[in-house]
Amino acid sequence: MSVPVSRMQFLRGDFKGKESPLRPPWAIAENLFTEICTNCGECVSHCPTHIIKQGRANFPVVDFSTDECLFCEQCVDVCKPQALLKKADKPPWSIKVSIDENTCIAHKGVECRSCYDPCESRAIKMPPRLGGISIPLINTDSCTGCGACVSVCPVQAVTIGQQQ
C-alpha cells in the first residue's frame, strides 16, 4: 500500500512520507496540507503560546521548545483555506512524547520531576522504586501531545513526534 506524499516530501527524498514536520493541531494530511495552506501566517500570529512558527517554505510548524499547546483552537478558527480542520471524531494530532533514557538524568540516578509536574493528563508517571529514585514512565494512551513536558526538561531528553 502506497502512502501519498507531498511534493516537498518527494523532493526531500521522503518517498514513504515518514518524516513529516510537526504541523499545528488538526492539520489535514501532509500531502493535502502543503497544497491547501497559503502560508498566510494567521495561525502563527494567533497562537497564544507562540509554538506555531513559520518553517520550511513558510509552512507552519510546531516548536515545543518554549511552551505547550493549549488546544485553544485559535489556529483552526483563523485558517481560511481549512488546512487546519477540526472534526468532532478526530483528535488534534497523533503525536506522542518519548523520553531518551540515555539522556534523562532521572535514569542516571538524579532526582528530577520536571516532565512529570506539568503533565495535566498524567501520561507521565513517576512510580516509587525500592532503593532508588523514581524514573518517568509514559502511558502513550493518555498522552495528548500538548508538549508541556518538552521545554521544561533540563537536558532535552523529552521529545515529541508522530506516533508510529
Protein backbone atom coordinates (compact mmCIF):
# COMPACT_ATOMS: atom_id res chain seq x y z
CA MET A 1 0.00 0.00 0.00
CA SER A 2 1.44 3.35 -1.00
CA VAL A 3 1.23 6.45 1.14
CA PRO A 4 0.58 9.74 -0.67
CA VAL A 5 3.47 12.16 -0.18
CA SER A 6 3.58 15.87 -0.75
CA ARG A 7 5.78 17.43 -3.39
CA MET A 8 8.01 18.78 -0.61
CA GLN A 9 8.44 15.30 0.90
CA PHE A 10 9.22 13.88 -2.52
CA LEU A 11 11.88 16.50 -3.21
CA ARG A 12 13.46 15.85 0.20
CA GLY A 13 13.66 12.14 -0.65
CA ASP A 14 10.99 11.12 1.88
CA PHE A 15 9.22 8.79 -0.54
CA LYS A 16 7.36 6.94 2.21
CA GLY A 17 6.06 10.07 3.95
CA LYS A 18 7.57 9.20 7.34
CA GLU A 19 9.38 12.46 8.05
CA SER A 20 6.52 14.93 8.09
CA PRO A 21 7.15 18.11 10.08
CA LEU A 22 5.00 18.71 13.14
CA ARG A 23 2.08 20.73 11.88
CA PRO A 24 -0.38 22.67 14.04
CA PRO A 25 -3.20 20.72 15.69
CA TRP A 26 -5.98 19.45 13.45
CA ALA A 27 -3.81 19.76 10.33
CA ILE A 28 -5.08 17.74 7.39
CA ALA A 29 -2.90 15.06 5.74
CA GLU A 30 0.56 16.38 4.80
CA ASN A 31 0.17 15.92 1.05
CA LEU A 32 -3.06 17.98 1.10
CA PHE A 33 -1.79 20.41 3.73
CA THR A 34 1.07 21.66 1.54
CA GLU A 35 -1.32 22.05 -1.39
CA ILE A 36 -4.06 23.91 0.51
CA CYS A 37 -2.10 26.02 3.02
CA THR A 38 -1.50 29.53 1.64
CA ASN A 39 1.35 30.35 4.08
CA CYS A 40 -0.63 33.36 5.28
CA GLY A 41 0.79 33.15 8.80
CA GLU A 42 -2.53 33.70 10.55
CA CYS A 43 -2.13 30.55 12.66
CA VAL A 44 1.37 31.72 13.61
CA SER A 45 0.24 35.16 14.73
CA HIS A 46 -2.82 33.91 16.62
CA CYS A 47 -1.14 31.16 18.67
CA PRO A 48 -1.26 32.40 22.29
CA THR A 49 1.75 30.31 23.35
CA HIS A 50 3.77 31.10 20.18
CA ILE A 51 4.61 27.46 19.47
CA ILE A 52 3.47 27.72 15.86
CA LYS A 53 6.31 29.09 13.78
CA GLN A 54 6.98 29.52 10.09
CA GLY A 55 9.06 26.60 8.88
CA ARG A 56 10.39 25.49 5.53
CA ALA A 57 8.73 27.35 2.64
CA ASN A 58 6.85 29.38 5.31
CA PHE A 59 4.53 26.49 6.12
CA PRO A 60 3.53 26.47 9.81
CA VAL A 61 5.29 24.03 12.11
CA VAL A 62 5.03 23.41 15.83
CA ASP A 63 8.03 24.00 18.07
CA PHE A 64 7.62 22.84 21.67
CA SER A 65 10.99 24.20 22.80
CA THR A 66 9.41 27.20 24.52
CA ASP A 67 5.87 26.25 25.53
CA GLU A 68 2.91 23.91 25.12
CA CYS A 69 -0.26 23.65 23.05
CA LEU A 70 -3.39 24.71 24.91
CA PHE A 71 -5.72 23.24 22.26
CA CYS A 72 -7.45 26.63 22.24
CA GLU A 73 -8.42 26.19 18.56
CA GLN A 74 -7.45 29.76 17.63
CA CYS A 75 -5.23 28.45 14.82
CA VAL A 76 -8.15 26.46 13.42
CA ASP A 77 -10.54 29.40 13.68
CA VAL A 78 -8.30 31.70 11.61
CA CYS A 79 -7.36 29.13 8.93
CA LYS A 80 -9.37 30.33 5.94
CA PRO A 81 -8.17 27.67 3.44
CA GLN A 82 -9.07 24.97 6.03
CA ALA A 83 -5.66 23.32 6.10
CA LEU A 84 -6.42 23.09 9.83
CA LEU A 85 -9.80 21.47 10.12
CA LYS A 86 -11.32 20.35 13.40
CA LYS A 87 -13.63 17.38 13.29
CA ALA A 88 -15.50 16.03 16.30
CA ASP A 89 -14.23 12.48 15.82
CA LYS A 90 -10.62 13.44 15.05
CA PRO A 91 -8.01 14.13 17.77
CA PRO A 92 -5.84 17.25 17.35
CA TRP A 93 -2.90 15.15 16.18
CA SER A 94 -1.25 11.78 16.57
CA ILE A 95 1.95 12.95 18.24
CA LYS A 96 3.23 11.43 21.44
CA VAL A 97 6.02 12.10 23.89
CA SER A 98 9.09 9.94 24.34
CA ILE A 99 11.99 10.09 26.78
CA ASP A 100 15.57 9.24 25.87
CA GLU A 101 16.75 7.03 28.72
CA ASN A 102 20.40 7.69 27.80
CA THR A 103 19.95 11.44 28.30
CA CYS A 104 17.32 11.59 31.07
CA ILE A 105 19.01 12.49 34.37
CA ALA A 106 16.44 10.52 36.40
CA HIS A 107 17.63 7.41 34.59
CA LYS A 108 21.15 8.34 35.71
CA GLY A 109 20.18 8.49 39.38
CA VAL A 110 19.48 12.22 39.76
CA GLU A 111 16.13 13.24 41.23
CA CYS A 112 14.14 15.09 38.56
CA ARG A 113 10.42 15.51 38.05
CA SER A 114 10.45 18.31 35.52
CA CYS A 115 8.48 16.35 32.88
CA TYR A 116 6.06 14.87 35.41
CA ASP A 117 4.91 18.09 37.10
CA PRO A 118 3.40 19.93 34.09
CA CYS A 119 1.67 16.82 32.65
CA GLU A 120 -2.02 17.55 33.22
CA SER A 121 -3.18 14.32 31.61
CA ARG A 122 -0.83 12.38 33.93
CA ALA A 123 0.51 10.45 30.96
CA ILE A 124 3.91 10.60 32.66
CA LYS A 125 4.05 8.62 35.87
CA MET A 126 6.82 8.55 38.49
CA PRO A 127 6.23 5.36 40.44
CA PRO A 128 8.33 4.86 43.57
CA ARG A 129 11.24 2.44 43.25
CA LEU A 130 12.68 0.45 46.09
CA GLY A 131 16.27 1.53 46.72
CA GLY A 132 16.29 4.20 44.03
CA ILE A 133 14.69 7.34 42.73
CA SER A 134 11.58 7.41 40.58
CA ILE A 135 12.05 7.36 36.82
CA PRO A 136 9.46 8.65 34.34
CA LEU A 137 7.21 6.13 32.63
CA ILE A 138 4.95 7.18 29.74
CA ASN A 139 1.43 5.97 29.11
CA THR A 140 1.08 6.86 25.42
CA ASP A 141 -2.67 6.18 25.53
CA SER A 142 -3.10 9.08 27.99
CA CYS A 143 -0.71 11.46 26.22
CA THR A 144 -2.48 14.35 24.50
CA GLY A 145 0.64 15.60 22.74
CA CYS A 146 0.39 19.03 24.37
CA GLY A 147 4.17 19.27 24.75
CA ALA A 148 4.13 20.72 28.27
CA CYS A 149 6.89 18.31 29.25
CA VAL A 150 9.28 19.19 26.40
CA SER A 151 10.54 22.70 27.15
CA VAL A 152 10.94 22.09 30.89
CA CYS A 153 13.37 19.18 30.55
CA PRO A 154 16.79 20.46 31.66
CA VAL A 155 18.68 18.04 29.38
CA GLN A 156 16.31 17.91 26.37
CA ALA A 157 15.62 14.20 26.95
CA VAL A 158 11.91 14.64 26.20
CA THR A 159 10.90 14.72 22.56
CA ILE A 160 7.61 14.64 20.80
CA GLY A 161 6.81 13.29 17.38
CA GLN A 162 4.43 11.38 15.15
CA GLN A 163 3.08 8.19 16.63
CA GLN A 164 4.26 5.19 14.64
